[in-house]
N, C-alpha and C. Protein backbone atom coordinates (compact mmCIF):
# COMPACT_ATOMS: atom_id res chain seq x y z
N MET A 1 62.32 -31.94 -16.42
CA MET A 1 61.39 -30.85 -16.31
C MET A 1 60.40 -31.17 -15.20
N SER A 2 60.04 -30.15 -14.46
CA SER A 2 59.18 -30.40 -13.32
C SER A 2 57.73 -30.13 -13.66
N ASP A 3 56.84 -30.73 -12.87
CA ASP A 3 55.40 -30.51 -13.07
C ASP A 3 54.92 -29.21 -12.42
N TYR A 4 55.76 -28.55 -11.68
CA TYR A 4 55.35 -27.33 -10.99
C TYR A 4 55.51 -26.16 -11.93
N ASN A 5 54.42 -25.38 -12.15
CA ASN A 5 54.47 -24.22 -13.04
C ASN A 5 54.22 -22.90 -12.29
N GLY A 6 54.28 -22.92 -11.00
CA GLY A 6 54.07 -21.70 -10.23
C GLY A 6 52.64 -21.55 -9.71
N TYR A 7 51.74 -22.41 -10.15
CA TYR A 7 50.35 -22.33 -9.72
C TYR A 7 49.94 -23.53 -8.89
N ASN A 8 50.86 -24.37 -8.59
CA ASN A 8 50.66 -25.54 -7.75
C ASN A 8 49.63 -26.51 -8.34
N ASN A 9 49.53 -26.55 -9.65
CA ASN A 9 48.73 -27.56 -10.35
C ASN A 9 49.30 -27.73 -11.75
N ASN A 10 48.66 -28.52 -12.55
CA ASN A 10 49.22 -28.77 -13.87
C ASN A 10 49.10 -27.53 -14.76
N GLY A 11 49.75 -27.54 -15.88
CA GLY A 11 49.81 -26.39 -16.75
C GLY A 11 48.51 -26.10 -17.48
N TYR A 12 47.60 -27.04 -17.49
CA TYR A 12 46.35 -26.84 -18.25
C TYR A 12 45.21 -26.27 -17.40
N ASN A 13 45.22 -26.50 -16.13
CA ASN A 13 44.17 -26.00 -15.23
C ASN A 13 44.79 -25.09 -14.18
N ASN A 14 45.31 -23.96 -14.63
CA ASN A 14 45.98 -23.10 -13.67
C ASN A 14 45.13 -21.94 -13.17
N ASN A 15 43.85 -21.87 -13.54
CA ASN A 15 43.05 -20.74 -13.07
C ASN A 15 42.27 -21.06 -11.79
N GLY A 16 42.15 -22.27 -11.39
CA GLY A 16 41.49 -22.64 -10.15
C GLY A 16 39.97 -22.65 -10.24
N PHE A 17 39.38 -22.45 -11.41
CA PHE A 17 37.93 -22.41 -11.56
C PHE A 17 37.36 -23.66 -12.20
N ASN A 18 38.14 -24.67 -12.35
CA ASN A 18 37.68 -25.87 -13.03
C ASN A 18 36.64 -26.62 -12.20
N ASN A 19 36.73 -26.60 -10.90
CA ASN A 19 35.76 -27.29 -10.04
C ASN A 19 35.13 -26.30 -9.06
N SER A 20 34.70 -25.14 -9.56
CA SER A 20 34.19 -24.11 -8.67
C SER A 20 32.84 -24.49 -8.06
N SER A 21 32.10 -25.40 -8.68
CA SER A 21 30.80 -25.78 -8.11
C SER A 21 30.99 -26.54 -6.80
N ASP A 22 32.15 -27.14 -6.59
CA ASP A 22 32.41 -27.84 -5.34
C ASP A 22 32.65 -26.86 -4.18
N ASP A 23 32.97 -25.60 -4.50
CA ASP A 23 33.27 -24.62 -3.47
C ASP A 23 32.04 -23.84 -3.02
N TYR A 24 30.86 -24.14 -3.56
CA TYR A 24 29.61 -23.45 -3.19
C TYR A 24 29.24 -23.81 -1.76
N ASP A 25 28.99 -22.78 -0.96
CA ASP A 25 28.65 -22.99 0.44
C ASP A 25 27.28 -22.37 0.71
N PRO A 26 26.22 -23.19 0.80
CA PRO A 26 24.88 -22.64 1.00
C PRO A 26 24.73 -21.89 2.32
N ALA A 27 25.46 -22.29 3.35
CA ALA A 27 25.36 -21.59 4.63
C ALA A 27 25.90 -20.16 4.51
N PHE A 28 26.98 -20.00 3.73
CA PHE A 28 27.54 -18.67 3.52
C PHE A 28 26.57 -17.80 2.74
N VAL A 29 25.94 -18.37 1.71
CA VAL A 29 24.98 -17.62 0.90
C VAL A 29 23.78 -17.20 1.75
N LYS A 30 23.28 -18.11 2.57
CA LYS A 30 22.14 -17.79 3.42
C LYS A 30 22.50 -16.71 4.44
N LYS A 31 23.71 -16.79 5.00
CA LYS A 31 24.15 -15.79 5.96
C LYS A 31 24.30 -14.43 5.28
N THR A 32 24.82 -14.41 4.07
CA THR A 32 24.97 -13.16 3.33
C THR A 32 23.61 -12.56 3.01
N GLN A 33 22.65 -13.39 2.60
CA GLN A 33 21.31 -12.89 2.32
C GLN A 33 20.66 -12.34 3.59
N ALA A 34 20.86 -13.00 4.71
CA ALA A 34 20.32 -12.52 5.98
C ALA A 34 20.93 -11.18 6.35
N GLN A 35 22.22 -11.00 6.09
CA GLN A 35 22.87 -9.73 6.38
C GLN A 35 22.32 -8.62 5.49
N HIS A 36 22.08 -8.93 4.23
CA HIS A 36 21.51 -7.93 3.31
C HIS A 36 20.09 -7.55 3.75
N LEU A 37 19.28 -8.52 4.11
CA LEU A 37 17.93 -8.23 4.58
C LEU A 37 17.97 -7.42 5.87
N SER A 38 18.88 -7.75 6.74
CA SER A 38 19.02 -7.02 7.99
C SER A 38 19.42 -5.58 7.74
N ARG A 39 20.34 -5.37 6.83
CA ARG A 39 20.78 -4.02 6.48
C ARG A 39 19.65 -3.22 5.84
N LEU A 40 18.91 -3.84 4.93
CA LEU A 40 17.77 -3.18 4.30
C LEU A 40 16.69 -2.84 5.33
N SER A 41 16.46 -3.75 6.24
CA SER A 41 15.50 -3.52 7.30
C SER A 41 15.90 -2.32 8.15
N PHE A 42 17.16 -2.23 8.49
CA PHE A 42 17.65 -1.10 9.28
C PHE A 42 17.49 0.21 8.52
N LEU A 43 17.81 0.21 7.24
CA LEU A 43 17.67 1.43 6.44
C LEU A 43 16.21 1.87 6.33
N LEU A 44 15.30 0.92 6.16
CA LEU A 44 13.88 1.26 6.11
C LEU A 44 13.38 1.76 7.46
N GLY A 45 13.84 1.17 8.54
CA GLY A 45 13.47 1.65 9.87
C GLY A 45 13.98 3.06 10.12
N MET A 46 15.21 3.32 9.71
CA MET A 46 15.76 4.67 9.85
C MET A 46 14.99 5.65 8.97
N GLY A 47 14.65 5.23 7.77
CA GLY A 47 13.87 6.08 6.87
C GLY A 47 12.50 6.40 7.43
N SER A 48 11.86 5.41 8.03
CA SER A 48 10.53 5.67 8.60
C SER A 48 10.61 6.66 9.76
N LEU A 49 11.67 6.57 10.55
CA LEU A 49 11.85 7.53 11.65
C LEU A 49 12.14 8.93 11.12
N ILE A 50 12.95 9.02 10.09
CA ILE A 50 13.26 10.32 9.49
C ILE A 50 11.99 10.94 8.90
N PHE A 51 11.20 10.14 8.16
CA PHE A 51 9.98 10.68 7.58
C PHE A 51 8.95 11.03 8.65
N THR A 52 9.00 10.40 9.79
CA THR A 52 8.11 10.78 10.89
C THR A 52 8.42 12.20 11.34
N PHE A 53 9.70 12.54 11.44
CA PHE A 53 10.07 13.88 11.89
C PHE A 53 9.90 14.93 10.80
N PHE A 54 9.75 14.50 9.54
CA PHE A 54 9.43 15.44 8.46
C PHE A 54 7.93 15.64 8.33
N MET A 55 7.15 15.03 9.24
CA MET A 55 5.71 15.18 9.34
C MET A 55 4.96 14.64 8.11
N THR A 56 5.52 13.65 7.45
CA THR A 56 4.75 12.95 6.43
C THR A 56 3.98 11.85 7.14
N VAL A 57 2.71 11.74 6.88
CA VAL A 57 1.87 10.83 7.65
C VAL A 57 1.93 9.41 7.10
N ILE A 58 1.85 9.24 5.82
CA ILE A 58 1.65 7.91 5.24
C ILE A 58 2.96 7.12 5.10
N ILE A 59 4.04 7.76 4.75
CA ILE A 59 5.29 7.05 4.46
C ILE A 59 5.79 6.22 5.65
N PRO A 60 5.79 6.74 6.89
CA PRO A 60 6.22 5.90 8.01
C PRO A 60 5.32 4.69 8.24
N TYR A 61 4.02 4.83 7.94
CA TYR A 61 3.11 3.70 8.10
C TYR A 61 3.35 2.62 7.04
N ILE A 62 4.08 2.94 5.99
CA ILE A 62 4.44 1.94 4.97
C ILE A 62 5.82 1.36 5.26
N LEU A 63 6.80 2.23 5.51
CA LEU A 63 8.18 1.77 5.69
C LEU A 63 8.39 0.97 6.97
N ALA A 64 7.78 1.38 8.06
CA ALA A 64 8.03 0.71 9.35
C ALA A 64 7.55 -0.75 9.35
N PRO A 65 6.34 -1.05 8.90
CA PRO A 65 5.95 -2.47 8.88
C PRO A 65 6.80 -3.32 7.93
N VAL A 66 7.18 -2.75 6.79
CA VAL A 66 8.06 -3.49 5.87
C VAL A 66 9.40 -3.76 6.55
N SER A 67 9.91 -2.79 7.28
CA SER A 67 11.17 -2.98 8.01
C SER A 67 11.05 -4.08 9.05
N ILE A 68 9.95 -4.10 9.77
CA ILE A 68 9.75 -5.13 10.80
C ILE A 68 9.67 -6.53 10.16
N VAL A 69 8.96 -6.63 9.05
CA VAL A 69 8.84 -7.93 8.37
C VAL A 69 10.20 -8.39 7.86
N LEU A 70 10.97 -7.49 7.26
CA LEU A 70 12.30 -7.87 6.78
C LEU A 70 13.23 -8.26 7.92
N ALA A 71 13.10 -7.61 9.06
CA ALA A 71 13.93 -7.97 10.22
C ALA A 71 13.59 -9.37 10.70
N ILE A 72 12.32 -9.72 10.69
CA ILE A 72 11.91 -11.06 11.10
C ILE A 72 12.38 -12.10 10.10
N ILE A 73 12.28 -11.78 8.82
CA ILE A 73 12.71 -12.72 7.78
C ILE A 73 14.22 -12.95 7.83
N SER A 74 14.97 -11.96 8.27
CA SER A 74 16.43 -12.06 8.24
C SER A 74 17.01 -12.89 9.37
N LYS A 75 16.20 -13.57 10.15
CA LYS A 75 16.73 -14.43 11.21
C LYS A 75 17.63 -15.50 10.62
N SER A 76 18.66 -15.83 11.34
CA SER A 76 19.58 -16.86 10.87
C SER A 76 19.08 -18.24 11.27
N ASP A 77 19.85 -19.26 10.93
CA ASP A 77 19.44 -20.64 11.22
C ASP A 77 19.34 -20.93 12.71
N ASP A 78 20.15 -20.25 13.50
CA ASP A 78 20.10 -20.51 14.94
C ASP A 78 18.97 -19.73 15.62
N ARG A 79 18.05 -19.18 14.83
CA ARG A 79 16.83 -18.52 15.30
C ARG A 79 17.10 -17.28 16.13
N LYS A 80 18.26 -16.70 15.97
CA LYS A 80 18.57 -15.45 16.67
C LYS A 80 18.47 -14.30 15.68
N ILE A 81 17.96 -13.19 16.19
CA ILE A 81 17.86 -12.00 15.35
C ILE A 81 19.15 -11.19 15.54
N SER A 82 19.67 -10.65 14.46
CA SER A 82 20.92 -9.90 14.55
C SER A 82 20.68 -8.56 15.24
N LYS A 83 21.77 -7.95 15.67
CA LYS A 83 21.67 -6.65 16.35
C LYS A 83 21.10 -5.59 15.42
N MET A 84 21.51 -5.64 14.16
CA MET A 84 21.02 -4.65 13.22
C MET A 84 19.52 -4.81 13.00
N SER A 85 19.04 -6.04 12.92
CA SER A 85 17.61 -6.29 12.76
C SER A 85 16.85 -5.86 14.01
N ARG A 86 17.40 -6.13 15.16
CA ARG A 86 16.76 -5.71 16.41
C ARG A 86 16.66 -4.19 16.47
N ASN A 87 17.73 -3.50 16.07
CA ASN A 87 17.70 -2.04 16.04
C ASN A 87 16.69 -1.53 15.02
N ALA A 88 16.56 -2.23 13.91
CA ALA A 88 15.57 -1.85 12.89
C ALA A 88 14.15 -1.95 13.45
N VAL A 89 13.89 -3.01 14.18
CA VAL A 89 12.56 -3.18 14.79
C VAL A 89 12.31 -2.07 15.81
N ILE A 90 13.31 -1.76 16.60
CA ILE A 90 13.16 -0.69 17.60
C ILE A 90 12.89 0.65 16.93
N LEU A 91 13.66 0.98 15.89
CA LEU A 91 13.45 2.23 15.16
C LEU A 91 12.06 2.27 14.53
N SER A 92 11.63 1.16 13.96
CA SER A 92 10.32 1.11 13.31
C SER A 92 9.18 1.28 14.31
N VAL A 93 9.31 0.64 15.46
CA VAL A 93 8.27 0.78 16.48
C VAL A 93 8.23 2.22 17.01
N ILE A 94 9.39 2.82 17.21
CA ILE A 94 9.44 4.22 17.64
C ILE A 94 8.79 5.11 16.60
N ALA A 95 9.08 4.86 15.32
CA ALA A 95 8.48 5.67 14.24
C ALA A 95 6.97 5.51 14.21
N LEU A 96 6.48 4.28 14.37
CA LEU A 96 5.03 4.05 14.36
C LEU A 96 4.35 4.73 15.54
N VAL A 97 4.93 4.60 16.72
CA VAL A 97 4.33 5.21 17.91
C VAL A 97 4.37 6.74 17.81
N ALA A 98 5.51 7.29 17.39
CA ALA A 98 5.62 8.75 17.27
C ALA A 98 4.68 9.29 16.21
N ASN A 99 4.60 8.61 15.07
CA ASN A 99 3.72 9.07 14.00
C ASN A 99 2.26 9.02 14.44
N THR A 100 1.88 7.96 15.13
CA THR A 100 0.50 7.84 15.62
C THR A 100 0.22 8.92 16.67
N ALA A 101 1.17 9.20 17.53
CA ALA A 101 1.00 10.25 18.53
C ALA A 101 0.85 11.62 17.88
N ILE A 102 1.64 11.88 16.86
CA ILE A 102 1.56 13.17 16.16
C ILE A 102 0.20 13.31 15.47
N VAL A 103 -0.23 12.27 14.77
CA VAL A 103 -1.52 12.33 14.08
C VAL A 103 -2.66 12.46 15.08
N GLY A 104 -2.61 11.70 16.17
CA GLY A 104 -3.67 11.77 17.18
C GLY A 104 -3.73 13.11 17.87
N THR A 105 -2.58 13.66 18.20
CA THR A 105 -2.53 14.97 18.84
C THR A 105 -3.04 16.06 17.91
N THR A 106 -2.67 15.97 16.66
CA THR A 106 -3.14 16.96 15.68
C THR A 106 -4.65 16.87 15.52
N TYR A 107 -5.16 15.66 15.39
CA TYR A 107 -6.61 15.46 15.25
C TYR A 107 -7.34 15.98 16.48
N TYR A 108 -6.84 15.67 17.66
CA TYR A 108 -7.47 16.13 18.90
C TYR A 108 -7.44 17.65 18.99
N SER A 109 -6.28 18.25 18.70
CA SER A 109 -6.16 19.71 18.76
C SER A 109 -7.05 20.40 17.75
N LEU A 110 -7.17 19.81 16.59
CA LEU A 110 -7.98 20.41 15.54
C LEU A 110 -9.45 20.48 15.91
N PHE A 111 -9.92 19.49 16.65
CA PHE A 111 -11.34 19.46 17.00
C PHE A 111 -11.64 20.00 18.39
N THR A 112 -10.64 20.34 19.18
CA THR A 112 -10.90 20.90 20.51
C THR A 112 -10.45 22.34 20.65
N ASN A 113 -9.51 22.79 19.85
CA ASN A 113 -8.99 24.15 19.93
C ASN A 113 -9.64 24.99 18.84
N SER A 114 -10.56 25.87 19.22
CA SER A 114 -11.32 26.65 18.23
C SER A 114 -10.44 27.65 17.48
N GLU A 115 -9.40 28.19 18.14
CA GLU A 115 -8.52 29.13 17.45
C GLU A 115 -7.73 28.42 16.34
N LEU A 116 -7.22 27.25 16.64
CA LEU A 116 -6.50 26.48 15.65
C LEU A 116 -7.41 26.10 14.49
N ARG A 117 -8.63 25.72 14.80
CA ARG A 117 -9.57 25.33 13.75
C ARG A 117 -9.90 26.51 12.85
N GLN A 118 -10.04 27.71 13.43
CA GLN A 118 -10.29 28.90 12.62
C GLN A 118 -9.12 29.18 11.70
N GLN A 119 -7.90 29.03 12.21
CA GLN A 119 -6.72 29.25 11.37
C GLN A 119 -6.68 28.25 10.22
N VAL A 120 -6.95 26.98 10.53
CA VAL A 120 -6.95 25.95 9.48
C VAL A 120 -8.06 26.23 8.48
N ASN A 121 -9.23 26.64 8.95
CA ASN A 121 -10.33 26.97 8.05
C ASN A 121 -9.96 28.11 7.11
N SER A 122 -9.34 29.17 7.63
CA SER A 122 -9.00 30.31 6.77
C SER A 122 -7.91 29.95 5.77
N VAL A 123 -6.91 29.19 6.21
CA VAL A 123 -5.84 28.79 5.29
C VAL A 123 -6.38 27.85 4.22
N ALA A 124 -7.20 26.89 4.62
CA ALA A 124 -7.77 25.95 3.64
C ALA A 124 -8.67 26.67 2.65
N GLU A 125 -9.43 27.65 3.12
CA GLU A 125 -10.30 28.38 2.21
C GLU A 125 -9.50 29.22 1.24
N GLN A 126 -8.39 29.81 1.70
CA GLN A 126 -7.54 30.58 0.80
C GLN A 126 -6.87 29.68 -0.23
N MET A 127 -6.43 28.50 0.19
CA MET A 127 -5.69 27.62 -0.71
C MET A 127 -6.61 26.84 -1.65
N TYR A 128 -7.72 26.31 -1.12
CA TYR A 128 -8.53 25.38 -1.89
C TYR A 128 -9.92 25.90 -2.23
N GLY A 129 -10.35 26.97 -1.60
CA GLY A 129 -11.68 27.48 -1.84
C GLY A 129 -12.72 26.87 -0.92
N TYR A 130 -12.34 25.92 -0.09
CA TYR A 130 -13.24 25.27 0.87
C TYR A 130 -12.58 25.31 2.24
N SER A 131 -13.39 25.52 3.26
CA SER A 131 -12.84 25.46 4.61
C SER A 131 -12.85 24.00 5.08
N LEU A 132 -12.18 23.74 6.16
CA LEU A 132 -12.16 22.40 6.74
C LEU A 132 -13.56 22.00 7.17
N ASP A 133 -14.31 22.96 7.71
CA ASP A 133 -15.68 22.66 8.13
C ASP A 133 -16.55 22.24 6.94
N ASP A 134 -16.34 22.88 5.78
CA ASP A 134 -17.09 22.49 4.58
C ASP A 134 -16.77 21.04 4.19
N LEU A 135 -15.50 20.71 4.22
CA LEU A 135 -15.08 19.36 3.83
C LEU A 135 -15.58 18.31 4.82
N ILE A 136 -15.52 18.64 6.11
CA ILE A 136 -16.01 17.69 7.13
C ILE A 136 -17.51 17.50 6.99
N GLY A 137 -18.25 18.60 6.77
CA GLY A 137 -19.71 18.49 6.60
C GLY A 137 -20.08 17.65 5.39
N ALA A 138 -19.38 17.85 4.29
CA ALA A 138 -19.65 17.06 3.09
C ALA A 138 -19.30 15.59 3.31
N ALA A 139 -18.19 15.33 3.98
CA ALA A 139 -17.80 13.94 4.25
C ALA A 139 -18.79 13.28 5.20
N GLU A 140 -19.29 14.02 6.18
CA GLU A 140 -20.28 13.46 7.09
C GLU A 140 -21.58 13.14 6.37
N GLN A 141 -21.99 14.00 5.46
CA GLN A 141 -23.21 13.74 4.70
C GLN A 141 -23.06 12.53 3.79
N GLU A 142 -21.91 12.39 3.17
CA GLU A 142 -21.68 11.27 2.26
C GLU A 142 -21.59 9.94 3.00
N THR A 143 -20.90 9.94 4.14
CA THR A 143 -20.65 8.67 4.83
C THR A 143 -21.63 8.39 5.96
N GLY A 144 -22.25 9.42 6.50
CA GLY A 144 -23.14 9.24 7.64
C GLY A 144 -22.38 9.02 8.94
N ILE A 145 -21.09 9.36 8.97
CA ILE A 145 -20.25 9.18 10.16
C ILE A 145 -19.97 10.54 10.77
N ASP A 146 -20.10 10.65 12.08
CA ASP A 146 -19.83 11.89 12.79
C ASP A 146 -18.31 12.06 12.93
N LEU A 147 -17.72 12.95 12.13
CA LEU A 147 -16.27 13.11 12.12
C LEU A 147 -15.77 14.15 13.10
N ASP A 148 -16.58 15.14 13.43
CA ASP A 148 -16.09 16.19 14.30
C ASP A 148 -16.52 16.04 15.75
N GLY A 149 -17.20 14.98 16.08
CA GLY A 149 -17.50 14.66 17.46
C GLY A 149 -18.60 15.49 18.10
N ASN A 150 -19.43 16.16 17.29
CA ASN A 150 -20.49 16.96 17.89
C ASN A 150 -21.78 16.16 18.08
N GLY A 151 -21.78 14.92 17.69
CA GLY A 151 -22.94 14.06 17.91
C GLY A 151 -23.98 14.11 16.81
N VAL A 152 -23.84 15.02 15.87
CA VAL A 152 -24.79 15.16 14.79
C VAL A 152 -24.03 15.06 13.47
N VAL A 153 -24.59 14.32 12.55
CA VAL A 153 -23.93 14.10 11.27
C VAL A 153 -24.35 15.16 10.27
N GLY A 154 -23.36 15.81 9.64
CA GLY A 154 -23.61 16.70 8.52
C GLY A 154 -24.25 18.02 8.88
N THR A 155 -23.99 18.59 10.04
CA THR A 155 -24.62 19.84 10.42
C THR A 155 -23.65 21.00 10.50
N VAL A 156 -22.55 20.92 9.79
CA VAL A 156 -21.63 22.05 9.77
C VAL A 156 -22.33 23.18 9.03
N GLU A 157 -22.35 24.37 9.60
CA GLU A 157 -23.15 25.48 9.10
C GLU A 157 -22.84 25.83 7.65
N SER A 158 -21.59 25.84 7.28
CA SER A 158 -21.25 26.29 5.94
C SER A 158 -21.36 25.18 4.90
N ALA A 159 -21.70 23.97 5.29
CA ALA A 159 -21.75 22.87 4.32
C ALA A 159 -23.11 22.75 3.66
N THR A 160 -24.18 23.20 4.27
CA THR A 160 -25.51 23.12 3.67
C THR A 160 -26.20 24.47 3.78
N ASP A 161 -27.18 24.67 2.95
CA ASP A 161 -27.95 25.89 2.97
C ASP A 161 -29.01 25.76 4.05
N ASN A 162 -29.12 26.72 4.95
CA ASN A 162 -29.99 26.59 6.11
C ASN A 162 -31.42 27.01 5.87
N ASP A 163 -31.71 27.71 4.75
CA ASP A 163 -33.06 28.19 4.59
C ASP A 163 -33.98 27.14 3.96
N ASP A 164 -33.46 26.01 3.55
CA ASP A 164 -34.21 24.88 2.99
C ASP A 164 -35.04 25.27 1.78
N SER A 165 -34.76 26.38 1.13
CA SER A 165 -35.51 26.75 -0.07
C SER A 165 -35.10 25.89 -1.26
N ASP A 166 -33.97 25.26 -1.18
CA ASP A 166 -33.50 24.43 -2.29
C ASP A 166 -33.71 22.94 -2.01
N GLY A 167 -34.42 22.61 -0.99
CA GLY A 167 -34.69 21.21 -0.68
C GLY A 167 -33.54 20.52 0.00
N GLY A 168 -32.65 21.25 0.64
CA GLY A 168 -31.54 20.63 1.38
C GLY A 168 -30.37 20.25 0.50
N GLN A 169 -30.28 20.82 -0.71
CA GLN A 169 -29.15 20.51 -1.58
C GLN A 169 -27.90 21.19 -1.05
N ALA A 170 -26.77 20.64 -1.39
CA ALA A 170 -25.50 21.18 -0.90
C ALA A 170 -25.19 22.50 -1.58
N VAL A 171 -24.46 23.35 -0.90
CA VAL A 171 -24.11 24.67 -1.41
C VAL A 171 -22.60 24.74 -1.50
N ASP A 172 -22.11 25.26 -2.63
CA ASP A 172 -20.68 25.52 -2.75
C ASP A 172 -20.37 26.74 -1.91
N SER A 173 -19.57 26.61 -0.89
CA SER A 173 -19.37 27.68 0.08
C SER A 173 -18.59 28.85 -0.50
N TYR A 174 -17.72 28.60 -1.46
CA TYR A 174 -16.92 29.70 -1.96
C TYR A 174 -17.64 30.52 -3.02
N GLU A 175 -18.68 29.95 -3.67
CA GLU A 175 -19.42 30.70 -4.66
C GLU A 175 -20.82 31.06 -4.18
N GLY A 176 -21.36 30.30 -3.25
CA GLY A 176 -22.68 30.56 -2.75
C GLY A 176 -23.78 30.09 -3.68
N GLU A 177 -23.45 29.26 -4.68
CA GLU A 177 -24.44 28.76 -5.61
C GLU A 177 -24.93 27.40 -5.14
N THR A 178 -26.19 27.10 -5.44
CA THR A 178 -26.75 25.81 -5.05
C THR A 178 -26.31 24.77 -6.06
N ASN A 179 -25.87 23.65 -5.57
CA ASN A 179 -25.47 22.54 -6.41
C ASN A 179 -26.64 21.57 -6.47
N ASN A 180 -27.29 21.44 -7.61
CA ASN A 180 -28.48 20.62 -7.73
C ASN A 180 -28.17 19.17 -8.10
N ASP A 181 -26.91 18.83 -8.24
CA ASP A 181 -26.55 17.45 -8.54
C ASP A 181 -26.70 16.59 -7.30
N ASP A 182 -26.88 15.30 -7.49
CA ASP A 182 -26.94 14.39 -6.35
C ASP A 182 -25.57 14.24 -5.71
N ALA A 183 -24.52 14.25 -6.51
CA ALA A 183 -23.16 14.10 -5.98
C ALA A 183 -22.55 15.48 -5.76
N THR A 184 -22.03 15.71 -4.60
CA THR A 184 -21.41 16.99 -4.29
C THR A 184 -19.96 16.97 -4.73
N SER A 185 -19.48 18.12 -5.12
CA SER A 185 -18.08 18.22 -5.55
C SER A 185 -17.21 18.85 -4.48
N ILE A 186 -17.69 18.85 -3.27
CA ILE A 186 -16.92 19.43 -2.17
C ILE A 186 -15.87 18.44 -1.74
């Protein structure tokens, strides 16, 4: 009778898993983890670019930096960044630059184009009961920071009552009632 049973080993250890710990290759595991991080980085970079074009402001500012960090972490032992990670960094930087340009252009247009500002004021007042000017005036009064670039803090006409009969208390613009609380609800 022969010792060969068709599995090229003895009849008792024919599954090949008896010494599987000897087959562990840490370099392969590290390379696989780097590939997974690189792939995740690319997906996050692509997601940040997609959300930039959907005009969401905050999501690209979260996804793009995470993508860049994951791309850097996914470097292999030879200190080279993979093509997928490099593409992820490029996509993330494009998303950050485009998102910042969109936000900056919108902010600039909102404060320099009076027709656009009137449209935003009317839509905001219809939707929320407060115009943009009311919200900016209240924010300027609370923080003491000039947000609309006119050089004076808190002087938006509709944000305060101009006759000073109430001692300079804030006025709810949609109801016209004086708010006597110290904290404004605008």
